[in-house]
Amino acid sequence: MKSNLLPIASAGFKYIAFAALAFIVLTVFDLDFLAFISFVILLLLAFVYRNPEREILSFEANNLLSPVDGSVISIQEIQGEKYAYKVEIKSNYFDVAILRAPFDATLETLTLKRGARLAENSLLQKEINENVELTFVDTHANSIKLKHQLSRSFDSLHIDINASQNIRQSSRYGLMITGITTLYLPQNFRVNVALGNKLKASQSLIGYFC
């Protein structure tokens, strides 16, 4: 995320600043209970927007790592000219919200759609919720598509990458507090995850390009 190496993601600065200001003001006016609540909110915001360093684990060449923290909720074979598999990962407030590049690649396309933040069980969630679609291509012409879609989140999607930009594996490129990430994978890909697997961005293996 724009080389932000601070322990807190920059997207959370304004929320944390407001909570800190509220705590100071309420403390000055001896509103102890409300000051305590604002302090708890401050701590929760610092947790939600945490920005830890991640060491890339050693895998074989042509590996693809998870771009998000979360749990695998769906793995499907799909019929398409370009992509053959679809993997869905659910992220919640307990997961690190930072999005990280799954492999060394160039961002070919980016489509960001602002919208609602309905719950996942809503009938309109897939149609109107805020989302971003990104297509990455590496030097061997391996291509994947990523879709990040918000669910019930108090903050919007933050994407800090531009089309045609080169990005290194594990580099930060955005933030999503809670939502569903869908990976569309090509025919020449070997999936290495199972339903229910708990994943960590830049540390958990999704699979390999063959």
N, C-alpha and C. Protein backbone atom coordinates (compact mmCIF):
# COMPACT_ATOMS: atom_id res chain seq x y z
N MET A 1 0.83 -1.19 0.00
CA MET A 1 0.00 0.00 0.00
C MET A 1 0.87 1.26 0.00
N LYS A 2 1.35 1.62 -1.16
CA LYS A 2 2.18 2.80 -1.30
C LYS A 2 3.36 2.80 -0.33
N SER A 3 3.97 1.62 -0.16
CA SER A 3 5.15 1.45 0.69
C SER A 3 4.90 1.85 2.13
N ASN A 4 3.66 1.74 2.60
CA ASN A 4 3.36 2.05 3.99
C ASN A 4 3.86 0.91 4.88
N LEU A 5 4.96 1.15 5.59
CA LEU A 5 5.55 0.13 6.44
C LEU A 5 5.25 0.38 7.91
N LEU A 6 4.34 1.33 8.20
CA LEU A 6 3.95 1.59 9.57
C LEU A 6 3.11 0.43 10.10
N PRO A 7 3.07 0.24 11.42
CA PRO A 7 2.29 -0.88 11.97
C PRO A 7 0.78 -0.73 11.79
N ILE A 8 0.33 0.49 11.45
CA ILE A 8 -1.09 0.75 11.19
C ILE A 8 -1.25 1.22 9.75
N ALA A 9 -2.20 0.63 9.02
CA ALA A 9 -2.45 1.03 7.63
C ALA A 9 -2.93 2.47 7.58
N SER A 10 -2.47 3.21 6.58
CA SER A 10 -2.82 4.63 6.47
C SER A 10 -4.32 4.86 6.31
N ALA A 11 -5.03 3.88 5.76
CA ALA A 11 -6.48 4.03 5.59
C ALA A 11 -7.20 4.18 6.92
N GLY A 12 -6.58 3.74 8.00
CA GLY A 12 -7.22 3.81 9.30
C GLY A 12 -6.86 5.02 10.13
N PHE A 13 -5.97 5.88 9.61
CA PHE A 13 -5.49 7.01 10.41
C PHE A 13 -6.64 7.93 10.85
N LYS A 14 -7.55 8.25 9.93
CA LYS A 14 -8.61 9.21 10.28
C LYS A 14 -9.55 8.65 11.35
N TYR A 15 -9.87 7.35 11.26
CA TYR A 15 -10.75 6.75 12.25
C TYR A 15 -10.07 6.71 13.62
N ILE A 16 -8.81 6.33 13.63
CA ILE A 16 -8.07 6.26 14.89
C ILE A 16 -7.89 7.65 15.48
N ALA A 17 -7.65 8.66 14.63
CA ALA A 17 -7.49 10.03 15.12
C ALA A 17 -8.78 10.53 15.77
N PHE A 18 -9.93 10.24 15.16
CA PHE A 18 -11.21 10.66 15.73
C PHE A 18 -11.45 9.98 17.08
N ALA A 19 -11.13 8.68 17.15
CA ALA A 19 -11.31 7.96 18.41
C ALA A 19 -10.39 8.49 19.49
N ALA A 20 -9.15 8.80 19.12
CA ALA A 20 -8.20 9.36 20.08
C ALA A 20 -8.65 10.74 20.56
N LEU A 21 -9.15 11.56 19.64
CA LEU A 21 -9.64 12.90 20.01
C LEU A 21 -10.85 12.79 20.95
N ALA A 22 -11.75 11.86 20.64
CA ALA A 22 -12.92 11.66 21.49
C ALA A 22 -12.49 11.24 22.89
N PHE A 23 -11.51 10.35 22.97
CA PHE A 23 -11.02 9.89 24.28
C PHE A 23 -10.44 11.05 25.09
N ILE A 24 -9.66 11.91 24.44
CA ILE A 24 -9.04 13.05 25.13
C ILE A 24 -10.10 14.02 25.63
N VAL A 25 -11.06 14.36 24.75
CA VAL A 25 -12.11 15.32 25.12
C VAL A 25 -12.97 14.77 26.26
N LEU A 26 -13.36 13.52 26.16
CA LEU A 26 -14.21 12.92 27.19
C LEU A 26 -13.47 12.79 28.52
N THR A 27 -12.17 12.54 28.44
CA THR A 27 -11.37 12.46 29.67
C THR A 27 -11.27 13.83 30.34
N VAL A 28 -11.08 14.88 29.53
CA VAL A 28 -10.99 16.25 30.07
C VAL A 28 -12.28 16.63 30.79
N PHE A 29 -13.42 16.19 30.27
CA PHE A 29 -14.70 16.53 30.87
C PHE A 29 -15.16 15.50 31.92
N ASP A 30 -14.25 14.62 32.31
CA ASP A 30 -14.51 13.62 33.36
C ASP A 30 -15.69 12.71 33.05
N LEU A 31 -15.91 12.44 31.78
CA LEU A 31 -16.94 11.48 31.37
C LEU A 31 -16.27 10.11 31.24
N ASP A 32 -16.02 9.51 32.39
CA ASP A 32 -15.15 8.34 32.46
C ASP A 32 -15.67 7.16 31.66
N PHE A 33 -16.98 6.89 31.76
CA PHE A 33 -17.52 5.73 31.06
C PHE A 33 -17.40 5.91 29.55
N LEU A 34 -17.79 7.08 29.05
CA LEU A 34 -17.69 7.34 27.61
C LEU A 34 -16.24 7.38 27.15
N ALA A 35 -15.35 7.88 28.00
CA ALA A 35 -13.93 7.88 27.67
C ALA A 35 -13.41 6.45 27.56
N PHE A 36 -13.90 5.59 28.45
CA PHE A 36 -13.49 4.18 28.39
C PHE A 36 -13.98 3.53 27.09
N ILE A 37 -15.23 3.82 26.71
CA ILE A 37 -15.77 3.27 25.46
C ILE A 37 -14.96 3.75 24.26
N SER A 38 -14.62 5.03 24.23
CA SER A 38 -13.84 5.57 23.12
C SER A 38 -12.44 4.95 23.08
N PHE A 39 -11.88 4.66 24.25
CA PHE A 39 -10.56 4.02 24.30
C PHE A 39 -10.63 2.59 23.76
N VAL A 40 -11.69 1.87 24.09
CA VAL A 40 -11.88 0.51 23.56
C VAL A 40 -12.02 0.55 22.04
N ILE A 41 -12.80 1.52 21.54
CA ILE A 41 -12.96 1.68 20.10
C ILE A 41 -11.61 1.98 19.44
N LEU A 42 -10.81 2.81 20.10
CA LEU A 42 -9.48 3.12 19.59
C LEU A 42 -8.64 1.86 19.45
N LEU A 43 -8.67 1.01 20.46
CA LEU A 43 -7.90 -0.23 20.41
C LEU A 43 -8.42 -1.17 19.32
N LEU A 44 -9.75 -1.24 19.18
CA LEU A 44 -10.34 -2.10 18.14
C LEU A 44 -9.96 -1.62 16.74
N LEU A 45 -9.95 -0.31 16.54
CA LEU A 45 -9.57 0.24 15.23
C LEU A 45 -8.11 -0.05 14.93
N ALA A 46 -7.25 0.08 15.94
CA ALA A 46 -5.83 -0.24 15.74
C ALA A 46 -5.66 -1.70 15.37
N PHE A 47 -6.49 -2.57 15.94
CA PHE A 47 -6.44 -4.00 15.61
C PHE A 47 -6.91 -4.25 14.18
N VAL A 48 -8.03 -3.65 13.81
CA VAL A 48 -8.60 -3.85 12.48
C VAL A 48 -7.65 -3.36 11.39
N TYR A 49 -6.98 -2.25 11.62
CA TYR A 49 -6.11 -1.65 10.61
C TYR A 49 -4.63 -2.02 10.80
N ARG A 50 -4.35 -3.06 11.54
CA ARG A 50 -2.97 -3.48 11.74
C ARG A 50 -2.32 -3.85 10.42
N ASN A 51 -1.03 -3.59 10.32
CA ASN A 51 -0.30 -3.74 9.06
C ASN A 51 1.01 -4.49 9.31
N PRO A 52 0.93 -5.80 9.58
CA PRO A 52 2.13 -6.55 9.96
C PRO A 52 3.04 -6.83 8.77
N GLU A 53 4.30 -7.01 9.06
CA GLU A 53 5.23 -7.50 8.04
C GLU A 53 5.00 -9.01 7.87
N ARG A 54 5.17 -9.49 6.67
CA ARG A 54 4.99 -10.90 6.38
C ARG A 54 6.22 -11.43 5.64
N GLU A 55 6.79 -12.49 6.17
CA GLU A 55 7.91 -13.14 5.51
C GLU A 55 7.38 -14.17 4.53
N ILE A 56 7.86 -14.12 3.28
CA ILE A 56 7.41 -15.08 2.27
C ILE A 56 8.06 -16.43 2.54
N LEU A 57 7.24 -17.47 2.67
CA LEU A 57 7.77 -18.81 2.89
C LEU A 57 8.34 -19.36 1.59
N SER A 58 9.17 -20.37 1.71
CA SER A 58 9.85 -20.94 0.54
C SER A 58 8.98 -22.00 -0.12
N PHE A 59 8.61 -21.77 -1.39
CA PHE A 59 7.84 -22.73 -2.17
C PHE A 59 8.54 -22.96 -3.51
N GLU A 60 8.02 -23.90 -4.29
CA GLU A 60 8.57 -24.14 -5.62
C GLU A 60 8.32 -22.93 -6.52
N ALA A 61 9.00 -22.92 -7.66
CA ALA A 61 8.80 -21.84 -8.63
C ALA A 61 7.37 -21.88 -9.15
N ASN A 62 6.92 -20.74 -9.70
CA ASN A 62 5.58 -20.61 -10.28
C ASN A 62 4.46 -20.79 -9.27
N ASN A 63 4.74 -20.43 -8.02
CA ASN A 63 3.71 -20.56 -6.99
C ASN A 63 2.80 -19.34 -6.96
N LEU A 64 1.61 -19.53 -6.44
CA LEU A 64 0.64 -18.46 -6.25
C LEU A 64 0.23 -18.46 -4.79
N LEU A 65 0.43 -17.32 -4.12
CA LEU A 65 0.11 -17.21 -2.70
C LEU A 65 -1.23 -16.50 -2.50
N SER A 66 -1.80 -16.70 -1.34
CA SER A 66 -3.08 -16.05 -1.05
C SER A 66 -2.91 -14.54 -0.99
N PRO A 67 -3.83 -13.78 -1.61
CA PRO A 67 -3.76 -12.32 -1.54
C PRO A 67 -4.40 -11.75 -0.29
N VAL A 68 -5.10 -12.60 0.48
CA VAL A 68 -5.85 -12.12 1.65
C VAL A 68 -5.75 -13.13 2.80
N ASP A 69 -6.05 -12.64 3.99
CA ASP A 69 -6.29 -13.51 5.13
C ASP A 69 -7.76 -13.93 5.09
N GLY A 70 -8.04 -15.18 5.43
CA GLY A 70 -9.42 -15.62 5.45
C GLY A 70 -9.54 -17.13 5.36
N SER A 71 -10.78 -17.60 5.19
CA SER A 71 -11.06 -19.03 5.10
C SER A 71 -11.64 -19.38 3.73
N VAL A 72 -11.22 -20.51 3.19
CA VAL A 72 -11.72 -20.97 1.90
C VAL A 72 -13.15 -21.47 2.08
N ILE A 73 -14.10 -20.86 1.36
CA ILE A 73 -15.51 -21.25 1.50
C ILE A 73 -16.05 -21.93 0.24
N SER A 74 -15.30 -21.88 -0.86
CA SER A 74 -15.79 -22.51 -2.09
C SER A 74 -14.64 -22.77 -3.05
N ILE A 75 -14.66 -23.95 -3.68
CA ILE A 75 -13.72 -24.29 -4.77
C ILE A 75 -14.55 -24.94 -5.87
N GLN A 76 -14.53 -24.34 -7.06
CA GLN A 76 -15.37 -24.85 -8.15
C GLN A 76 -14.59 -24.92 -9.45
N GLU A 77 -14.95 -25.90 -10.26
CA GLU A 77 -14.51 -25.90 -11.66
C GLU A 77 -15.53 -25.11 -12.45
N ILE A 78 -15.08 -24.26 -13.35
CA ILE A 78 -15.98 -23.43 -14.14
C ILE A 78 -15.71 -23.63 -15.62
N GLN A 79 -16.72 -23.35 -16.42
CA GLN A 79 -16.59 -23.46 -17.86
C GLN A 79 -16.30 -22.08 -18.44
N GLY A 80 -15.14 -21.93 -19.02
CA GLY A 80 -14.78 -20.65 -19.59
C GLY A 80 -13.58 -20.80 -20.50
N GLU A 81 -13.40 -19.83 -21.38
CA GLU A 81 -12.29 -19.88 -22.32
C GLU A 81 -10.95 -19.57 -21.65
N LYS A 82 -10.99 -18.76 -20.61
CA LYS A 82 -9.75 -18.30 -20.00
C LYS A 82 -9.49 -18.91 -18.63
N TYR A 83 -10.55 -19.11 -17.83
CA TYR A 83 -10.37 -19.60 -16.46
C TYR A 83 -11.13 -20.91 -16.25
N ALA A 84 -10.52 -21.81 -15.46
CA ALA A 84 -11.09 -23.13 -15.26
C ALA A 84 -11.50 -23.39 -13.81
N TYR A 85 -10.98 -22.59 -12.88
CA TYR A 85 -11.26 -22.82 -11.46
C TYR A 85 -11.61 -21.50 -10.78
N LYS A 86 -12.45 -21.62 -9.75
CA LYS A 86 -12.83 -20.46 -8.96
C LYS A 86 -12.70 -20.82 -7.48
N VAL A 87 -11.92 -20.01 -6.76
CA VAL A 87 -11.72 -20.21 -5.32
C VAL A 87 -12.21 -18.97 -4.59
N GLU A 88 -13.08 -19.16 -3.59
CA GLU A 88 -13.60 -18.05 -2.81
C GLU A 88 -13.06 -18.09 -1.39
N ILE A 89 -12.63 -16.92 -0.91
CA ILE A 89 -12.04 -16.78 0.43
C ILE A 89 -12.82 -15.71 1.18
N LYS A 90 -13.29 -16.06 2.37
CA LYS A 90 -14.06 -15.12 3.19
C LYS A 90 -13.16 -14.51 4.26
N SER A 91 -13.15 -13.17 4.33
CA SER A 91 -12.38 -12.45 5.33
C SER A 91 -13.32 -11.75 6.29
N ASN A 92 -12.94 -11.70 7.58
CA ASN A 92 -13.76 -11.00 8.57
C ASN A 92 -12.92 -10.03 9.38
N TYR A 93 -13.51 -9.45 10.41
CA TYR A 93 -12.85 -8.40 11.18
C TYR A 93 -11.63 -8.92 11.95
N PHE A 94 -11.54 -10.21 12.19
CA PHE A 94 -10.40 -10.77 12.91
C PHE A 94 -9.20 -10.99 12.00
N ASP A 95 -9.42 -10.96 10.68
CA ASP A 95 -8.33 -11.18 9.72
C ASP A 95 -7.62 -9.87 9.43
N VAL A 96 -6.33 -9.97 9.10
CA VAL A 96 -5.59 -8.78 8.65
C VAL A 96 -6.21 -8.32 7.34
N ALA A 97 -6.49 -7.03 7.24
CA ALA A 97 -7.23 -6.49 6.09
C ALA A 97 -6.37 -6.16 4.88
N ILE A 98 -5.06 -6.22 5.02
CA ILE A 98 -4.16 -5.82 3.93
C ILE A 98 -4.23 -6.82 2.77
N LEU A 99 -4.32 -6.30 1.54
CA LEU A 99 -4.29 -7.11 0.32
C LEU A 99 -2.87 -7.16 -0.21
N ARG A 100 -2.41 -8.35 -0.61
CA ARG A 100 -1.02 -8.52 -1.05
C ARG A 100 -0.96 -9.27 -2.38
N ALA A 101 0.00 -8.89 -3.20
CA ALA A 101 0.13 -9.49 -4.53
C ALA A 101 0.43 -10.98 -4.41
N PRO A 102 -0.31 -11.82 -5.14
CA PRO A 102 -0.11 -13.28 -5.02
C PRO A 102 1.10 -13.81 -5.77
N PHE A 103 1.62 -13.06 -6.75
CA PHE A 103 2.81 -13.47 -7.49
C PHE A 103 3.41 -12.27 -8.18
N ASP A 104 4.62 -12.43 -8.72
CA ASP A 104 5.25 -11.35 -9.49
C ASP A 104 4.48 -11.19 -10.79
N ALA A 105 3.92 -10.01 -11.02
CA ALA A 105 3.06 -9.85 -12.20
C ALA A 105 2.88 -8.38 -12.53
N THR A 106 2.19 -8.18 -13.66
CA THR A 106 1.76 -6.84 -14.07
C THR A 106 0.25 -6.77 -13.96
N LEU A 107 -0.25 -5.69 -13.41
CA LEU A 107 -1.70 -5.49 -13.35
C LEU A 107 -2.18 -5.08 -14.73
N GLU A 108 -2.94 -5.97 -15.37
CA GLU A 108 -3.40 -5.72 -16.74
C GLU A 108 -4.65 -4.87 -16.77
N THR A 109 -5.62 -5.18 -15.91
CA THR A 109 -6.87 -4.40 -15.86
C THR A 109 -7.29 -4.21 -14.41
N LEU A 110 -8.03 -3.11 -14.19
CA LEU A 110 -8.58 -2.81 -12.86
C LEU A 110 -9.93 -2.14 -13.05
N THR A 111 -10.96 -2.70 -12.44
CA THR A 111 -12.30 -2.13 -12.50
C THR A 111 -12.86 -2.02 -11.09
N LEU A 112 -13.00 -0.79 -10.61
CA LEU A 112 -13.49 -0.54 -9.26
C LEU A 112 -14.91 0.01 -9.33
N LYS A 113 -15.82 -0.63 -8.61
CA LYS A 113 -17.22 -0.20 -8.58
C LYS A 113 -17.62 0.10 -7.15
N ARG A 114 -17.87 1.39 -6.87
CA ARG A 114 -18.36 1.77 -5.56
C ARG A 114 -19.83 1.37 -5.42
N GLY A 115 -20.23 1.03 -4.20
CA GLY A 115 -21.60 0.59 -4.03
C GLY A 115 -21.96 0.34 -2.58
N ALA A 116 -22.89 -0.58 -2.37
CA ALA A 116 -23.41 -0.89 -1.04
C ALA A 116 -22.47 -1.83 -0.29
N ARG A 117 -22.83 -2.09 0.96
CA ARG A 117 -22.06 -3.01 1.80
C ARG A 117 -23.02 -3.94 2.53
N LEU A 118 -23.87 -4.60 1.76
CA LEU A 118 -24.89 -5.48 2.33
C LEU A 118 -24.26 -6.76 2.87
N ALA A 119 -24.99 -7.42 3.76
CA ALA A 119 -24.53 -8.70 4.31
C ALA A 119 -24.49 -9.76 3.22
N GLU A 120 -23.70 -10.80 3.45
CA GLU A 120 -23.50 -11.84 2.43
C GLU A 120 -24.77 -12.60 2.09
N ASN A 121 -25.71 -12.70 3.03
CA ASN A 121 -26.96 -13.44 2.77
C ASN A 121 -28.02 -12.60 2.07
N SER A 122 -27.70 -11.34 1.75
CA SER A 122 -28.65 -10.49 1.05
C SER A 122 -28.75 -10.91 -0.42
N LEU A 123 -29.96 -10.86 -0.96
CA LEU A 123 -30.19 -11.27 -2.35
C LEU A 123 -29.49 -10.33 -3.34
N LEU A 124 -29.28 -9.08 -2.94
CA LEU A 124 -28.68 -8.10 -3.85
C LEU A 124 -27.18 -7.92 -3.64
N GLN A 125 -26.62 -8.67 -2.70
CA GLN A 125 -25.21 -8.46 -2.34
C GLN A 125 -24.27 -8.55 -3.54
N LYS A 126 -24.43 -9.57 -4.36
CA LYS A 126 -23.51 -9.76 -5.48
C LYS A 126 -23.70 -8.72 -6.58
N GLU A 127 -24.89 -8.15 -6.66
CA GLU A 127 -25.18 -7.19 -7.73
C GLU A 127 -24.76 -5.77 -7.40
N ILE A 128 -24.94 -5.35 -6.15
CA ILE A 128 -24.77 -3.92 -5.85
C ILE A 128 -23.67 -3.61 -4.83
N ASN A 129 -23.07 -4.63 -4.22
CA ASN A 129 -22.04 -4.33 -3.24
C ASN A 129 -20.76 -3.82 -3.90
N GLU A 130 -20.05 -2.98 -3.18
CA GLU A 130 -18.78 -2.41 -3.67
C GLU A 130 -17.79 -3.53 -3.97
N ASN A 131 -17.11 -3.43 -5.11
CA ASN A 131 -16.16 -4.47 -5.48
C ASN A 131 -15.09 -3.93 -6.43
N VAL A 132 -14.04 -4.70 -6.57
CA VAL A 132 -12.98 -4.38 -7.52
C VAL A 132 -12.54 -5.67 -8.19
N GLU A 133 -12.33 -5.61 -9.51
CA GLU A 133 -11.80 -6.74 -10.27
C GLU A 133 -10.44 -6.36 -10.82
N LEU A 134 -9.46 -7.27 -10.62
CA LEU A 134 -8.10 -7.04 -11.08
C LEU A 134 -7.62 -8.26 -11.85
N THR A 135 -6.96 -8.02 -12.97
CA THR A 135 -6.36 -9.10 -13.75
C THR A 135 -4.85 -8.94 -13.74
N PHE A 136 -4.16 -9.99 -13.29
CA PHE A 136 -2.71 -9.98 -13.22
C PHE A 136 -2.13 -10.96 -14.25
N VAL A 137 -1.03 -10.57 -14.89
CA VAL A 137 -0.36 -11.43 -15.88
C VAL A 137 1.13 -11.40 -15.59
N ASP A 138 1.76 -12.60 -15.59
CA ASP A 138 3.20 -12.63 -15.34
C ASP A 138 3.98 -12.73 -16.65
N THR A 139 5.29 -12.86 -16.57
CA THR A 139 6.14 -12.87 -17.76
C THR A 139 6.00 -14.16 -18.58
N HIS A 140 5.36 -15.18 -18.00
CA HIS A 140 5.12 -16.44 -18.73
C HIS A 140 3.70 -16.50 -19.29
N ALA A 141 3.01 -15.36 -19.28
CA ALA A 141 1.64 -15.25 -19.78
C ALA A 141 0.62 -15.97 -18.90
N ASN A 142 1.00 -16.32 -17.68
CA ASN A 142 0.03 -16.86 -16.72
C ASN A 142 -0.86 -15.72 -16.24
N SER A 143 -2.17 -15.94 -16.28
CA SER A 143 -3.11 -14.87 -15.94
C SER A 143 -4.10 -15.35 -14.89
N ILE A 144 -4.38 -14.49 -13.92
CA ILE A 144 -5.45 -14.75 -12.95
C ILE A 144 -6.31 -13.50 -12.81
N LYS A 145 -7.56 -13.71 -12.41
CA LYS A 145 -8.43 -12.58 -12.10
C LYS A 145 -8.81 -12.65 -10.63
N LEU A 146 -8.74 -11.51 -9.96
CA LEU A 146 -9.14 -11.39 -8.56
C LEU A 146 -10.34 -10.47 -8.45
N LYS A 147 -11.29 -10.85 -7.62
CA LYS A 147 -12.42 -9.97 -7.33
C LYS A 147 -12.55 -9.85 -5.82
N HIS A 148 -12.44 -8.64 -5.31
CA HIS A 148 -12.67 -8.36 -3.89
C HIS A 148 -14.02 -7.68 -3.76
N GLN A 149 -14.92 -8.27 -2.97
CA GLN A 149 -16.25 -7.69 -2.80
C GLN A 149 -16.55 -7.49 -1.32
N LEU A 150 -16.88 -6.25 -0.95
CA LEU A 150 -17.20 -5.95 0.44
C LEU A 150 -18.49 -6.64 0.86
N SER A 151 -18.55 -6.99 2.15
CA SER A 151 -19.83 -7.39 2.71
C SER A 151 -20.22 -6.33 3.73
N ARG A 152 -20.37 -6.68 4.99
CA ARG A 152 -20.80 -5.70 5.98
C ARG A 152 -19.58 -5.01 6.58
N SER A 153 -19.17 -3.91 5.98
CA SER A 153 -17.96 -3.21 6.38
C SER A 153 -18.26 -1.74 6.63
N PHE A 154 -17.59 -1.14 7.63
CA PHE A 154 -17.78 0.29 7.89
C PHE A 154 -16.89 1.16 7.02
N ASP A 155 -15.92 0.55 6.32
CA ASP A 155 -15.01 1.30 5.47
C ASP A 155 -15.10 0.77 4.05
N SER A 156 -14.71 1.60 3.09
CA SER A 156 -14.76 1.21 1.69
C SER A 156 -13.51 0.42 1.31
N LEU A 157 -13.48 -0.07 0.09
CA LEU A 157 -12.28 -0.71 -0.45
C LEU A 157 -11.21 0.35 -0.71
N HIS A 158 -9.97 0.01 -0.41
CA HIS A 158 -8.84 0.89 -0.70
C HIS A 158 -7.91 0.13 -1.65
N ILE A 159 -7.71 0.66 -2.85
CA ILE A 159 -6.85 0.03 -3.85
C ILE A 159 -5.76 1.02 -4.23
N ASP A 160 -4.51 0.61 -4.00
CA ASP A 160 -3.37 1.50 -4.23
C ASP A 160 -2.44 0.95 -5.32
N ILE A 161 -3.03 0.66 -6.46
CA ILE A 161 -2.26 0.15 -7.59
C ILE A 161 -2.95 0.63 -8.86
N ASN A 162 -2.19 0.82 -9.91
CA ASN A 162 -2.73 1.30 -11.18
C ASN A 162 -2.51 0.28 -12.28
N ALA A 163 -3.37 0.31 -13.29
CA ALA A 163 -3.22 -0.58 -14.44
C ALA A 163 -1.85 -0.39 -15.08
N SER A 164 -1.27 -1.48 -15.55
CA SER A 164 0.05 -1.55 -16.19
C SER A 164 1.20 -1.48 -15.19
N GLN A 165 0.88 -1.43 -13.92
CA GLN A 165 1.94 -1.37 -12.90
C GLN A 165 2.47 -2.76 -12.59
N ASN A 166 3.80 -2.88 -12.49
CA ASN A 166 4.42 -4.12 -12.08
C ASN A 166 4.40 -4.22 -10.56
N ILE A 167 4.21 -5.42 -10.06
CA ILE A 167 4.13 -5.60 -8.61
C ILE A 167 4.82 -6.89 -8.22
N ARG A 168 5.54 -6.85 -7.12
CA ARG A 168 6.27 -8.01 -6.63
C ARG A 168 5.38 -8.84 -5.71
N GLN A 169 5.62 -10.13 -5.70
CA GLN A 169 4.87 -11.03 -4.82
C GLN A 169 4.95 -10.55 -3.37
N SER A 170 3.82 -10.51 -2.70
CA SER A 170 3.67 -10.11 -1.30
C SER A 170 3.57 -8.60 -1.10
N SER A 171 3.75 -7.80 -2.17
CA SER A 171 3.63 -6.35 -2.03
C SER A 171 2.20 -5.96 -1.68
N ARG A 172 2.05 -4.96 -0.85
CA ARG A 172 0.74 -4.47 -0.48
C ARG A 172 0.13 -3.69 -1.64
N TYR A 173 -1.15 -3.92 -1.93
CA TYR A 173 -1.80 -3.15 -2.99
C TYR A 173 -3.18 -2.63 -2.59
N GLY A 174 -3.61 -2.86 -1.35
CA GLY A 174 -4.91 -2.36 -0.96
C GLY A 174 -5.34 -2.87 0.39
N LEU A 175 -6.62 -2.62 0.69
CA LEU A 175 -7.17 -3.00 1.99
C LEU A 175 -8.66 -3.27 1.86
N MET A 176 -9.10 -4.38 2.48
CA MET A 176 -10.52 -4.72 2.54
C MET A 176 -10.81 -5.23 3.95
N ILE A 177 -11.67 -4.52 4.68
CA ILE A 177 -11.93 -4.88 6.07
C ILE A 177 -12.61 -6.24 6.19
N THR A 178 -13.69 -6.42 5.46
CA THR A 178 -14.39 -7.71 5.50
C THR A 178 -15.11 -7.93 4.16
N GLY A 179 -15.10 -9.14 3.67
CA GLY A 179 -15.73 -9.42 2.38
C GLY A 179 -15.30 -10.76 1.81
N ILE A 180 -15.57 -10.93 0.52
CA ILE A 180 -15.25 -12.16 -0.19
C ILE A 180 -14.25 -11.87 -1.30
N THR A 181 -13.19 -12.65 -1.35
CA THR A 181 -12.22 -12.57 -2.43
C THR A 181 -12.38 -13.80 -3.31
N THR A 182 -12.55 -13.59 -4.60
CA THR A 182 -12.70 -14.69 -5.56
C THR A 182 -11.51 -14.71 -6.50
N LEU A 183 -10.86 -15.87 -6.59
CA LEU A 183 -9.74 -16.05 -7.51
C LEU A 183 -10.21 -16.88 -8.69
N TYR A 184 -10.00 -16.38 -9.90
CA TYR A 184 -10.29 -17.13 -11.13
C TYR A 184 -8.96 -17.60 -11.69
N LEU A 185 -8.81 -18.93 -11.81
CA LEU A 185 -7.51 -19.53 -12.12
C LEU A 185 -7.57 -20.27 -13.45
N PRO A 186 -6.46 -20.28 -14.21
CA PRO A 186 -6.46 -20.88 -15.55
C PRO A 186 -6.39 -22.41 -15.53
N GLN A 187 -6.53 -22.98 -16.72
CA GLN A 187 -6.52 -24.43 -16.87
C GLN A 187 -5.17 -25.03 -16.44
N ASN A 188 -4.09 -24.29 -16.65
CA ASN A 188 -2.75 -24.81 -16.33
C ASN A 188 -2.36 -24.57 -14.88
N PHE A 189 -3.37 -24.56 -13.99
CA PHE A 189 -3.11 -24.29 -12.58
C PHE A 189 -3.48 -25.51 -11.74
N ARG A 190 -2.64 -25.81 -10.74
CA ARG A 190 -2.90 -26.91 -9.82
C ARG A 190 -3.28 -26.33 -8.45
N VAL A 191 -4.55 -26.49 -8.09
CA VAL A 191 -5.06 -25.94 -6.83
C VAL A 191 -4.54 -26.76 -5.66
N ASN A 192 -4.09 -26.06 -4.61
CA ASN A 192 -3.46 -26.72 -3.47
C ASN A 192 -4.14 -26.36 -2.15
N VAL A 193 -5.41 -25.96 -2.21
CA VAL A 193 -6.16 -25.65 -0.99
C VAL A 193 -7.41 -26.50 -0.94
N ALA A 194 -8.01 -26.57 0.26
CA ALA A 194 -9.24 -27.34 0.45
C ALA A 194 -10.25 -26.48 1.20
N LEU A 195 -11.51 -26.88 1.13
CA LEU A 195 -12.56 -26.15 1.84
C LEU A 195 -12.24 -26.06 3.33
N GLY A 196 -12.44 -24.88 3.89
CA GLY A 196 -12.21 -24.69 5.31
C GLY A 196 -10.79 -24.30 5.68
N ASN A 197 -9.86 -24.38 4.73
CA ASN A 197 -8.48 -23.97 5.02
C ASN A 197 -8.42 -22.52 5.45
N LYS A 198 -7.66 -22.25 6.49
CA LYS A 198 -7.42 -20.88 6.95
C LYS A 198 -6.15 -20.38 6.27
N LEU A 199 -6.27 -19.24 5.58
CA LEU A 199 -5.16 -18.72 4.78
C LEU A 199 -4.63 -17.41 5.35
N LYS A 200 -3.34 -17.18 5.08
CA LYS A 200 -2.71 -15.90 5.41
C LYS A 200 -2.11 -15.31 4.15
N ALA A 201 -2.36 -14.04 3.94
CA ALA A 201 -1.84 -13.36 2.75
C ALA A 201 -0.32 -13.44 2.70
N SER A 202 0.20 -13.80 1.54
CA SER A 202 1.62 -13.91 1.22
C SER A 202 2.33 -15.05 1.93
N GLN A 203 1.60 -15.87 2.70
CA GLN A 203 2.22 -16.99 3.40
C GLN A 203 1.57 -18.32 3.09
N SER A 204 0.30 -18.32 2.68
CA SER A 204 -0.42 -19.56 2.39
C SER A 204 -0.43 -19.82 0.88
N LEU A 205 -0.14 -21.05 0.52
CA LEU A 205 -0.04 -21.44 -0.89
C LEU A 205 -1.43 -21.74 -1.47
N ILE A 206 -1.78 -21.08 -2.56
CA ILE A 206 -3.00 -21.40 -3.29
C ILE A 206 -2.77 -22.56 -4.26
N GLY A 207 -1.59 -22.57 -4.90
CA GLY A 207 -1.26 -23.63 -5.84
C GLY A 207 -0.12 -23.21 -6.76
N TYR A 208 -0.01 -23.95 -7.89
CA TYR A 208 1.09 -23.74 -8.82
C TYR A 208 0.59 -23.63 -10.26
N PHE A 209 1.28 -22.81 -11.05
CA PHE A 209 1.10 -22.82 -12.50
C PHE A 209 1.93 -23.98 -13.05
N CYS A 210 1.33 -24.78 -13.92
CA CYS A 210 2.02 -25.96 -14.49
C CYS A 210 2.76 -25.60 -15.77
